[in-house]
C-alpha atoms as a PDB file:
ATOM      1  CA  MET A   1    -121.275 -25.098  92.293  1.00  0.00           C
ATOM      2  CA  ASN A   2    -121.711 -22.401  89.602  1.00  0.00           C
ATOM      3  CA  ILE A   3    -125.022 -22.017  87.844  1.00  0.00           C
ATOM      4  CA  SER A   4    -126.531 -20.200  84.888  1.00  0.00           C
ATOM      5  CA  VAL A   5    -130.029 -18.800  85.039  1.00  0.00           C
ATOM      6  CA  GLU A   6    -132.078 -17.463  82.185  1.00  0.00           C
ATOM      7  CA  ILE A   7    -134.911 -15.355  83.477  1.00  0.00           C
ATOM      8  CA  SER A   8    -137.758 -13.405  81.821  1.00  0.00           C
ATOM      9  CA  TYR A   9    -139.948 -10.979  83.742  1.00  0.00           C
ATOM     10  CA  TYR A  10    -143.443 -10.097  82.536  1.00  0.00           C
ATOM     11  CA  PRO A  11    -145.164  -7.342  84.521  1.00  0.00           C
ATOM     12  CA  LEU A  12    -148.785  -7.703  83.332  1.00  0.00           C
ATOM     13  CA  HIS A  13    -150.359  -4.787  85.192  1.00  0.00           C
ATOM     14  CA  GLY A  14    -150.635  -1.346  83.485  1.00  0.00           C
ATOM     15  CA  ASP A  15    -149.225  -0.037  80.246  1.00  0.00           C
ATOM     16  CA  ASP A  16    -145.684   0.684  81.428  1.00  0.00           C
ATOM     17  CA  PHE A  17    -144.052  -2.738  81.460  1.00  0.00           C
ATOM     18  CA  ILE A  18    -140.505  -1.458  80.535  1.00  0.00           C
ATOM     19  CA  GLU A  19    -139.836   0.391  83.833  1.00  0.00           C
ATOM     20  CA  PRO A  20    -140.394  -2.572  86.181  1.00  0.00           C
ATOM     21  CA  ILE A  21    -138.147  -4.735  83.962  1.00  0.00           C
ATOM     22  CA  LYS A  22    -135.387  -2.127  83.922  1.00  0.00           C
ATOM     23  CA  THR A  23    -135.664  -1.657  87.670  1.00  0.00           C
ATOM     24  CA  PHE A  24    -135.412  -5.432  88.226  1.00  0.00           C
ATOM     25  CA  ILE A  25    -132.280  -5.638  86.089  1.00  0.00           C
ATOM     26  CA  ASP A  26    -130.749  -2.568  87.695  1.00  0.00           C
ATOM     27  CA  ARG A  27    -131.275  -4.138  91.148  1.00  0.00           C
ATOM     28  CA  LEU A  28    -129.596  -7.409  89.933  1.00  0.00           C
ATOM     29  CA  ASN A  29    -126.616  -5.412  88.686  1.00  0.00           C
ATOM     30  CA  MET A  30    -126.084  -3.911  92.152  1.00  0.00           C
ATOM     31  CA  HIS A  31    -125.111  -7.280  93.584  1.00  0.00           C
ATOM     32  CA  PRO A  32    -121.419  -8.173  93.633  1.00  0.00           C
ATOM     33  CA  GLY A  33    -120.441 -11.733  92.936  1.00  0.00           C
ATOM     34  CA  ILE A  34    -122.828 -12.380  90.025  1.00  0.00           C
ATOM     35  CA  ILE A  35    -122.635 -11.640  86.370  1.00  0.00           C
ATOM     36  CA  VAL A  36    -125.691 -10.242  84.665  1.00  0.00           C
ATOM     37  CA  GLN A  37    -126.089 -10.192  80.864  1.00  0.00           C
ATOM     38  CA  THR A  38    -129.239  -8.972  79.103  1.00  0.00           C
ATOM     39  CA  ASN A  39    -130.641  -9.217  75.658  1.00  0.00           C
ATOM     40  CA  GLY A  40    -134.049  -8.436  74.082  1.00  0.00           C
ATOM     41  CA  MET A  41    -135.650 -11.607  75.316  1.00  0.00           C
ATOM     42  CA  SER A  42    -134.213 -12.442  78.706  1.00  0.00           C
ATOM     43  CA  THR A  43    -131.543 -11.867  81.343  1.00  0.00           C
ATOM     44  CA  GLN A  44    -128.793 -14.312  82.065  1.00  0.00           C
ATOM     45  CA  ILE A  45    -127.261 -14.564  85.515  1.00  0.00           C
ATOM     46  CA  PHE A  46    -124.090 -16.444  86.328  1.00  0.00           C
ATOM     47  CA  GLY A  47    -122.564 -17.190  89.680  1.00  0.00           C
ATOM     48  CA  GLU A  48    -122.385 -19.443  92.704  1.00  0.00           C
ATOM     49  CA  TYR A  49    -125.668 -21.318  93.351  1.00  0.00           C
ATOM     50  CA  ASP A  50    -126.408 -20.159  96.859  1.00  0.00           C
ATOM     51  CA  LEU A  51    -125.671 -16.529  96.066  1.00  0.00           C
ATOM     52  CA  VAL A  52    -127.620 -16.407  92.845  1.00  0.00           C
ATOM     53  CA  MET A  53    -130.675 -18.112  94.321  1.00  0.00           C
ATOM     54  CA  ARG A  54    -130.577 -15.856  97.434  1.00  0.00           C
ATOM     55  CA  ILE A  55    -130.424 -12.739  95.220  1.00  0.00           C
ATOM     56  CA  LEU A  56    -133.183 -13.992  92.944  1.00  0.00           C
ATOM     57  CA  THR A  57    -135.437 -14.866  95.897  1.00  0.00           C
ATOM     58  CA  ASP A  58    -134.996 -11.384  97.342  1.00  0.00           C
ATOM     59  CA  GLU A  59    -135.358  -9.433  94.106  1.00  0.00           C
ATOM     60  CA  ILE A  60    -138.321 -11.440  92.774  1.00  0.00           C
ATOM     61  CA  LYS A  61    -140.072 -10.816  96.085  1.00  0.00           C
ATOM     62  CA  VAL A  62    -139.604  -7.074  95.608  1.00  0.00           C
ATOM     63  CA  SER A  63    -140.983  -7.314  92.055  1.00  0.00           C
ATOM     64  CA  PHE A  64    -144.013  -9.285  93.338  1.00  0.00           C
ATOM     65  CA  GLU A  65    -145.133  -6.080  95.067  1.00  0.00           C
ATOM     66  CA  ASN A  66    -146.412  -5.207  91.584  1.00  0.00           C
ATOM     67  CA  PRO A  67    -149.656  -7.028  90.846  1.00  0.00           C
ATOM     68  CA  TYR A  68    -149.667  -9.735  88.168  1.00  0.00           C
ATOM     69  CA  SER A  69    -145.931 -10.219  87.869  1.00  0.00           C
ATOM     70  CA  VAL A  70    -144.759 -13.315  86.074  1.00  0.00           C
ATOM     71  CA  PHE A  71    -141.210 -14.754  86.031  1.00  0.00           C
ATOM     72  CA  VAL A  72    -140.057 -17.626  83.794  1.00  0.00           C
ATOM     73  CA  MET A  73    -136.674 -19.198  84.643  1.00  0.00           C
ATOM     74  CA  LYS A  74    -134.346 -21.863  83.392  1.00  0.00           C
ATOM     75  CA  VAL A  75    -131.636 -22.948  85.823  1.00  0.00           C
ATOM     76  CA  VAL A  76    -128.609 -24.984  84.659  1.00  0.00           C
ATOM     77  CA  ASN A  77    -126.074 -26.509  87.066  1.00  0.00           C
ATOM     78  CA  ALA A  78    -123.113 -25.211  85.038  1.00  0.00           C
ATOM     79  CA  ASP A  79    -121.584 -21.899  83.989  1.00  0.00           C
ATOM     80  CA  LEU A  80    -122.717 -21.909  80.326  1.00  0.00           C
ATOM     81  CA  ARG A  81    -120.324 -19.031  79.524  1.00  0.00           C
ATOM     82  CA  VAL A  82    -117.434 -21.508  80.099  1.00  0.00           C
ATOM     83  CA  HIS A  83    -119.062 -24.216  77.983  1.00  0.00           C
ATOM     84  CA  ALA A  84    -119.874 -21.757  75.193  1.00  0.00           C
ATOM     85  CA  GLY A  85    -116.236 -20.717  74.925  1.00  0.00           C
ATOM     86  CA  LYS A  86    -116.755 -17.196  76.337  1.00  0.00           C
END
């Protein structure tokens, strides 16, 4: 089953919040088999359920090494790129 995930990362510790976000997105982009699209508000991830969730579990855990890290996610059990005509 393919899924779509919209995820936002809020590193709340320190003044430099851009670098942890960029690093998280860069790590996501290193994984084959998923599609990662970003905009100013969130990152969208598309791919097969087990693969996407395994990658997110691993990468969120790495980001949680930074104190006060918050993730907000929406998960849809469909590839929204297909349904949006993309």
